[in-house]
Amino acid sequence: MDYNVYDEAVKVLFSGGNPYLHLITMPGPFNYPPTVFLFISFLQNRLIFDILSALAFFISIFLLTNKKFFVSFFLFFVSLLIFFPYKFNVGMGQINNFILLFVVLAYYYNPFFLAYAISIKLTPIIFLFYYFIKKDYKKIIIVLTLCLILYAMSLIIVPFDFQKIYFLDVFWRAFGTGGKEVYYNQSLAGLLARSNTSFLFYPLTILLLFVTYIKGKKLKRERVFSAVTCLMLILNPIAWQHQFVFAIIPLILLFNLNKKLVLAVFFLLAWNFKQPDLVPKELSSHQFYGVFILWMLAIFGGKSTKLIGIIGTVGIIGVYLRFLICRGSFCF
């Protein structure tokens, strides 16, 4: 379905229509930034799109494993079989594997790739926080400058009048309060929406950003990059399961810190409930829990195991107390 959205958006645009007003068969307007057309306009064949998407995922693993081909092939094969975020990503024709590759290329090589990733989907902009923590302000300026250049280039194919609709209307719809409680949204906002505690989202967001900044200043770059990757998934108001393909970054970069814990997290991330309505809502955020554990491991290292145990215990007690309170006249 997602590939059809990209395909129809390009067809509407190049036939003279405004994809930010309507598509052909899909309901609602196209909700990606105008700069995405600098990328998807060249991918108008589903078979080629899928092959390149799989290749982008493999190359990302290859770079993250320090170019160990056989290890990369094994991880790719395992992902193909059981890692649901990858399978969901490819099955839906999503664009995340390409963005993953550009983010990894930015980490190892050139900030241009981060600007290009941001031009496709806005969520990778959080990686500017990684540069901020590492006090690499030059790269922040480079990325923002390149984003402006890419936006100027987008005006060549997407008229300004079309773009106004996106910036004045479509863009702001992403900040709506509805639709976050569905199982496929595995972000912090999804967890809180399912437990009717959405009021905690902004305080927890500030806390996570603050702790990452304070602790990150003293950590090696792979741990900081892993932590920020986790935040991109945790703090996104709506992070569908296919977006958790990005978790491959901390899974690989943090593997040597605690192999057993990372393997356990992999299965938390790989799982998918085919009938989520039958699962207690406290257990349905398994991918959020997995990425949160990876964030803890990145920030606290060896101390993370004890902290995870404490937080898990407090969480279980909290759920139990909430259940008892809900048996009475007050429930939230």
Protein backbone atom coordinates (compact mmCIF):
# COMPACT_ATOMS: atom_id res chain seq x y z
CA MET A 1 0.00 0.00 0.00
CA ASP A 2 2.76 2.47 0.85
CA TYR A 3 4.49 1.98 -2.50
CA ASN A 4 1.17 2.77 -4.21
CA VAL A 5 1.09 6.06 -2.30
CA TYR A 6 4.51 7.06 -3.66
CA ASP A 7 3.60 5.87 -7.15
CA GLU A 8 0.30 7.74 -7.25
CA ALA A 9 1.83 10.91 -5.82
CA VAL A 10 4.35 11.01 -8.66
CA LYS A 11 1.67 10.30 -11.26
CA VAL A 12 -0.60 13.03 -9.90
CA LEU A 13 2.24 15.55 -9.78
CA PHE A 14 3.50 14.89 -13.28
CA SER A 15 -0.02 14.97 -14.70
CA GLY A 16 -0.43 18.52 -13.37
CA GLY A 17 -2.34 17.73 -10.16
CA ASN A 18 -1.46 18.56 -6.57
CA PRO A 19 -0.77 15.37 -4.55
CA TYR A 20 -1.23 17.40 -1.35
CA LEU A 21 -4.90 17.76 -2.23
CA HIS A 22 -5.67 14.25 -3.48
CA LEU A 23 -4.25 11.02 -4.85
CA ILE A 24 -5.82 8.69 -7.41
CA THR A 25 -7.22 5.76 -5.44
CA MET A 26 -5.75 6.28 -1.97
CA PRO A 27 -7.75 8.29 0.60
CA GLY A 28 -6.30 11.55 1.88
CA PRO A 29 -3.44 13.72 0.64
CA PHE A 30 0.21 12.77 0.21
CA ASN A 31 1.93 13.55 3.54
CA TYR A 32 5.65 13.47 2.70
CA PRO A 33 7.67 16.69 2.21
CA PRO A 34 8.02 18.10 -1.33
CA THR A 35 11.71 17.20 -1.38
CA VAL A 36 10.79 13.49 -1.41
CA PHE A 37 10.04 13.82 -5.11
CA LEU A 38 13.77 14.26 -5.69
CA PHE A 39 14.01 10.59 -4.70
CA ILE A 40 10.78 8.71 -5.48
CA SER A 41 10.48 10.13 -8.98
CA PHE A 42 13.23 7.72 -10.03
CA LEU A 43 11.64 4.62 -8.47
CA GLN A 44 8.53 3.99 -10.52
CA ASN A 45 8.94 0.22 -10.83
CA ARG A 46 7.91 -1.93 -7.85
CA LEU A 47 10.33 -4.78 -8.60
CA ILE A 48 13.30 -2.43 -8.86
CA PHE A 49 12.10 -0.60 -5.74
CA ASP A 50 11.99 -3.85 -3.73
CA ILE A 51 15.39 -5.06 -4.95
CA LEU A 52 17.04 -1.73 -4.14
CA SER A 53 15.26 -1.63 -0.77
CA ALA A 54 16.63 -5.05 0.19
CA LEU A 55 20.08 -4.05 -1.08
CA ALA A 56 19.97 -0.84 0.99
CA PHE A 57 19.23 -2.87 4.12
CA PHE A 58 22.06 -5.31 3.38
CA ILE A 59 24.58 -2.52 2.73
CA SER A 60 23.55 -0.85 5.99
CA ILE A 61 24.28 -4.07 7.91
CA PHE A 62 27.52 -4.50 5.97
CA LEU A 63 28.76 -1.06 7.06
CA LEU A 64 27.56 -1.45 10.66
CA THR A 65 29.41 -4.77 11.03
CA ASN A 66 32.67 -3.21 9.81
CA LYS A 67 32.23 -4.72 6.35
CA LYS A 68 32.05 -8.35 7.48
CA PHE A 69 30.31 -9.91 4.49
CA PHE A 70 29.36 -13.32 5.91
CA VAL A 71 28.11 -11.83 9.19
CA SER A 72 26.09 -9.29 7.18
CA PHE A 73 24.61 -11.99 4.97
CA PHE A 74 23.65 -14.08 8.01
CA LEU A 75 21.92 -11.10 9.69
CA PHE A 76 20.17 -10.23 6.43
CA PHE A 77 18.94 -13.83 6.05
CA VAL A 78 17.69 -13.92 9.67
CA SER A 79 15.91 -10.59 9.15
CA LEU A 80 14.30 -11.94 6.00
CA LEU A 81 12.91 -14.88 7.97
CA ILE A 82 11.86 -13.55 11.37
CA PHE A 83 12.56 -9.81 11.82
CA PHE A 84 9.04 -8.38 11.43
CA PRO A 85 10.04 -4.70 11.01
CA TYR A 86 12.07 -5.66 7.92
CA LYS A 87 9.36 -7.95 6.52
CA PHE A 88 6.63 -5.36 7.16
CA ASN A 89 8.80 -2.65 5.62
CA VAL A 90 9.34 -4.60 2.38
CA GLY A 91 5.81 -6.01 2.29
CA MET A 92 4.26 -2.54 2.49
CA GLY A 93 6.70 -1.09 -0.03
CA GLN A 94 7.95 1.37 2.57
CA ILE A 95 10.87 3.69 2.06
CA ASN A 96 12.61 3.17 5.41
CA ASN A 97 15.41 0.90 4.17
CA PHE A 98 16.66 3.68 1.91
CA ILE A 99 16.55 6.21 4.74
CA LEU A 100 18.36 3.72 6.98
CA LEU A 101 21.16 3.46 4.43
CA PHE A 102 21.50 7.24 4.10
CA VAL A 103 21.63 7.65 7.89
CA VAL A 104 24.34 4.98 8.17
CA LEU A 105 26.29 6.59 5.31
CA ALA A 106 26.05 9.93 7.11
CA TYR A 107 27.42 8.33 10.28
CA TYR A 108 30.42 6.78 8.55
CA TYR A 109 31.10 9.19 5.69
CA ASN A 110 29.36 12.45 4.81
CA PRO A 111 26.59 14.61 6.37
CA PHE A 112 25.15 15.12 2.88
CA PHE A 113 23.45 11.75 3.24
CA LEU A 114 21.65 12.90 6.39
CA ALA A 115 20.32 15.94 4.54
CA TYR A 116 19.07 13.62 1.80
CA ALA A 117 17.45 11.33 4.40
CA ILE A 118 15.68 14.32 5.94
CA SER A 119 14.48 15.37 2.50
CA ILE A 120 12.72 12.01 2.14
CA LYS A 121 11.17 11.85 5.61
CA LEU A 122 11.53 14.47 8.35
CA THR A 123 12.10 12.13 11.31
CA PRO A 124 15.89 11.68 10.72
CA ILE A 125 16.30 15.36 11.64
CA ILE A 126 16.76 14.13 15.22
CA PHE A 127 20.29 13.04 14.24
CA LEU A 128 21.25 16.71 14.40
CA PHE A 129 20.97 16.09 18.14
CA TYR A 130 23.79 13.55 17.76
CA TYR A 131 26.04 16.23 16.24
CA PHE A 132 24.93 18.66 18.95
CA ILE A 133 25.93 16.24 21.71
CA LYS A 134 29.31 15.66 20.05
CA LYS A 135 29.70 19.45 19.63
CA ASP A 136 30.12 19.05 15.89
CA TYR A 137 28.30 22.28 15.07
CA LYS A 138 29.93 22.52 11.64
CA LYS A 139 28.08 19.42 10.47
CA ILE A 140 24.78 20.80 11.79
CA ILE A 141 25.28 23.89 9.62
CA ILE A 142 26.27 21.73 6.64
CA VAL A 143 23.18 19.52 6.97
CA LEU A 144 20.80 22.47 7.33
CA THR A 145 22.41 24.24 4.38
CA LEU A 146 22.11 21.13 2.23
CA CYS A 147 18.47 20.76 3.26
CA LEU A 148 17.80 24.30 2.03
CA ILE A 149 19.53 23.52 -1.26
CA LEU A 150 17.47 20.36 -1.70
CA TYR A 151 14.32 22.32 -0.93
CA ALA A 152 15.23 24.90 -3.57
CA MET A 153 15.74 22.05 -6.05
CA SER A 154 12.31 20.65 -5.20
CA LEU A 155 10.71 23.91 -6.39
CA ILE A 156 11.74 22.93 -9.91
CA ILE A 157 9.33 19.97 -9.95
CA VAL A 158 6.82 20.85 -7.18
CA PRO A 159 5.29 24.32 -7.71
CA PHE A 160 5.34 26.65 -4.72
CA ASP A 161 1.53 26.87 -4.72
CA PHE A 162 1.41 23.09 -4.26
CA GLN A 163 3.97 23.23 -1.49
CA LYS A 164 1.99 25.85 0.42
CA ILE A 165 -0.78 23.30 0.89
CA TYR A 166 1.72 20.91 2.46
CA PHE A 167 3.29 23.44 4.84
CA LEU A 168 0.05 25.17 5.85
CA ASP A 169 -2.17 22.11 6.17
CA VAL A 170 -0.81 18.60 5.57
CA PHE A 171 2.36 19.02 7.68
CA TRP A 172 0.39 19.96 10.82
CA ARG A 173 -1.88 16.93 10.64
CA ALA A 174 1.00 14.78 11.91
CA PHE A 175 0.70 16.55 15.27
CA GLY A 176 -2.91 15.49 15.80
CA THR A 177 -3.84 13.63 18.98
CA GLY A 178 -5.86 10.80 17.42
CA GLY A 179 -4.84 7.44 16.00
CA LYS A 180 -1.86 6.85 18.27
CA GLU A 181 -3.36 4.02 20.30
CA VAL A 182 -3.30 1.34 17.57
CA TYR A 183 -1.01 -1.66 18.12
CA TYR A 184 1.16 -0.90 15.08
CA ASN A 185 2.28 2.36 16.67
CA GLN A 186 5.08 1.16 18.93
CA SER A 187 6.38 4.55 20.07
CA LEU A 188 6.17 6.06 23.54
CA ALA A 189 3.08 7.97 22.40
CA GLY A 190 1.45 4.68 21.43
CA LEU A 191 2.22 3.08 24.79
CA LEU A 192 0.84 6.07 26.68
CA ALA A 193 -2.25 6.34 24.47
CA ARG A 194 -3.09 2.68 25.05
CA SER A 195 -2.80 3.20 28.81
CA ASN A 196 -4.67 6.55 28.83
CA THR A 197 -1.64 8.43 30.17
CA SER A 198 -0.80 10.60 27.14
CA PHE A 199 -0.26 13.59 29.44
CA LEU A 200 3.13 12.06 30.34
CA PHE A 201 4.48 12.25 26.78
CA TYR A 202 6.11 15.69 26.90
CA PRO A 203 7.62 15.37 30.41
CA LEU A 204 9.12 11.99 29.48
CA THR A 205 10.35 13.37 26.14
CA ILE A 206 12.19 16.19 27.90
CA LEU A 207 13.63 13.75 30.44
CA LEU A 208 14.93 11.35 27.77
CA LEU A 209 16.49 14.16 25.74
CA PHE A 210 18.11 15.68 28.84
CA VAL A 211 19.58 12.38 30.06
CA THR A 212 20.86 11.55 26.56
CA TYR A 213 22.56 14.94 26.30
CA ILE A 214 24.15 14.88 29.78
CA LYS A 215 25.38 11.28 29.58
CA GLY A 216 26.14 11.34 25.87
CA LYS A 217 28.84 13.99 26.21
CA LYS A 218 31.06 11.39 27.92
CA LEU A 219 30.26 8.38 25.71
CA LYS A 220 31.85 6.97 22.58
CA ARG A 221 30.21 7.99 19.35
CA GLU A 222 28.69 4.58 18.56
CA ARG A 223 26.81 4.63 21.86
CA VAL A 224 25.59 8.19 21.34
CA PHE A 225 24.51 7.41 17.78
CA SER A 226 22.69 4.30 19.01
CA ALA A 227 20.92 6.28 21.75
CA VAL A 228 19.76 8.96 19.30
CA THR A 229 18.53 6.26 16.89
CA CYS A 230 16.46 4.83 19.74
CA LEU A 231 15.06 8.29 20.50
CA MET A 232 13.98 8.68 16.88
CA LEU A 233 11.73 5.64 17.36
CA ILE A 234 10.69 6.28 20.96
CA LEU A 235 9.76 9.95 20.58
CA ASN A 236 8.11 9.79 17.18
CA PRO A 237 4.38 10.43 17.81
CA ILE A 238 3.52 7.63 15.40
CA ALA A 239 6.27 5.05 14.80
CA TRP A 240 4.80 2.16 12.84
CA GLN A 241 6.41 -1.25 13.22
CA HIS A 242 8.13 -1.01 9.84
CA GLN A 243 10.05 2.03 11.10
CA PHE A 244 11.70 -0.16 13.74
CA VAL A 245 13.97 -1.46 11.00
CA PHE A 246 16.20 1.40 12.25
CA ALA A 247 16.74 -0.61 15.45
CA ILE A 248 19.28 -2.65 13.49
CA ILE A 249 21.70 0.24 14.18
CA PRO A 250 21.81 -0.09 18.00
CA LEU A 251 21.40 -3.88 17.78
CA ILE A 252 24.70 -4.13 15.92
CA LEU A 253 26.63 -1.22 17.43
CA LEU A 254 25.79 -2.24 21.02
CA PHE A 255 26.13 -6.00 20.57
CA ASN A 256 29.51 -6.28 22.26
CA LEU A 257 28.33 -4.32 25.33
CA ASN A 258 25.95 -7.08 26.40
CA LYS A 259 25.44 -9.90 23.89
CA LYS A 260 22.74 -11.77 25.84
CA LEU A 261 20.67 -8.64 26.44
CA VAL A 262 20.91 -7.53 22.80
CA LEU A 263 19.83 -10.99 21.60
CA ALA A 264 16.83 -10.88 23.94
CA VAL A 265 15.93 -7.44 22.63
CA PHE A 266 16.20 -8.69 19.04
CA PHE A 267 13.37 -11.15 19.67
CA LEU A 268 11.28 -8.43 21.35
CA LEU A 269 11.70 -6.36 18.20
CA ALA A 270 11.26 -9.26 15.77
CA TRP A 271 7.93 -10.41 17.20
CA ASN A 272 4.49 -9.47 15.87
CA PHE A 273 1.10 -10.22 17.37
CA LYS A 274 -1.23 -11.23 14.55
CA GLN A 275 -4.24 -10.68 16.84
CA PRO A 276 -3.17 -7.72 19.00
CA ASP A 277 -6.66 -7.31 20.46
CA LEU A 278 -6.13 -10.55 22.38
CA VAL A 279 -2.97 -9.24 24.05
CA PRO A 280 -3.06 -7.15 27.27
CA LYS A 281 -2.29 -3.58 26.29
CA GLU A 282 0.56 -3.45 28.82
CA LEU A 283 2.31 -6.19 26.81
CA SER A 284 1.52 -4.95 23.30
CA SER A 285 4.33 -2.36 23.23
CA HIS A 286 7.05 -5.01 22.97
CA GLN A 287 9.03 -3.12 20.31
CA PHE A 288 8.97 0.03 22.41
CA TYR A 289 10.30 -1.98 25.36
CA GLY A 290 13.03 -3.41 23.16
CA VAL A 291 14.22 -0.04 21.88
CA PHE A 292 13.97 1.49 25.36
CA ILE A 293 16.25 -1.27 26.68
CA LEU A 294 18.71 -0.51 23.87
CA TRP A 295 18.59 3.17 24.83
CA MET A 296 19.33 2.22 28.45
CA LEU A 297 22.23 0.03 27.33
CA ALA A 298 23.66 2.81 25.15
CA ILE A 299 23.42 5.44 27.91
CA PHE A 300 24.23 3.45 31.05
CA GLY A 301 26.32 0.55 29.73
CA GLY A 302 27.02 -2.08 32.40
CA LYS A 303 24.66 -0.45 34.89
CA SER A 304 21.72 -0.79 32.51
CA THR A 305 20.82 -4.33 33.60
CA LYS A 306 20.11 -3.29 37.19
CA LEU A 307 18.25 -0.16 36.07
CA ILE A 308 16.11 -2.18 33.65
CA GLY A 309 15.25 -4.55 36.51
CA ILE A 310 14.25 -1.65 38.76
CA ILE A 311 12.15 0.04 36.06
CA GLY A 312 10.52 -3.28 35.16
CA THR A 313 9.61 -3.95 38.77
CA VAL A 314 8.17 -0.47 39.24
CA GLY A 315 6.24 -0.88 35.99
CA ILE A 316 4.72 -4.21 37.04
CA ILE A 317 3.73 -2.80 40.43
CA GLY A 318 2.25 0.25 38.72
CA VAL A 319 0.17 -1.87 36.34
CA TYR A 320 -1.06 -3.99 39.26
CA LEU A 321 -2.01 -0.93 41.33
CA ARG A 322 -3.74 0.62 38.34
CA PHE A 323 -5.73 -2.60 37.92
CA LEU A 324 -6.80 -2.50 41.57
CA ILE A 325 -7.76 1.18 41.34
CA CYS A 326 -9.78 0.50 38.18
CA ARG A 327 -11.76 -2.09 40.11
CA GLY A 328 -13.07 0.79 42.14
CA SER A 329 -14.78 3.95 41.00
CA PHE A 330 -11.63 5.71 39.70
CA CYS A 331 -9.75 4.63 36.59
CA PHE A 332 -7.37 6.35 34.19
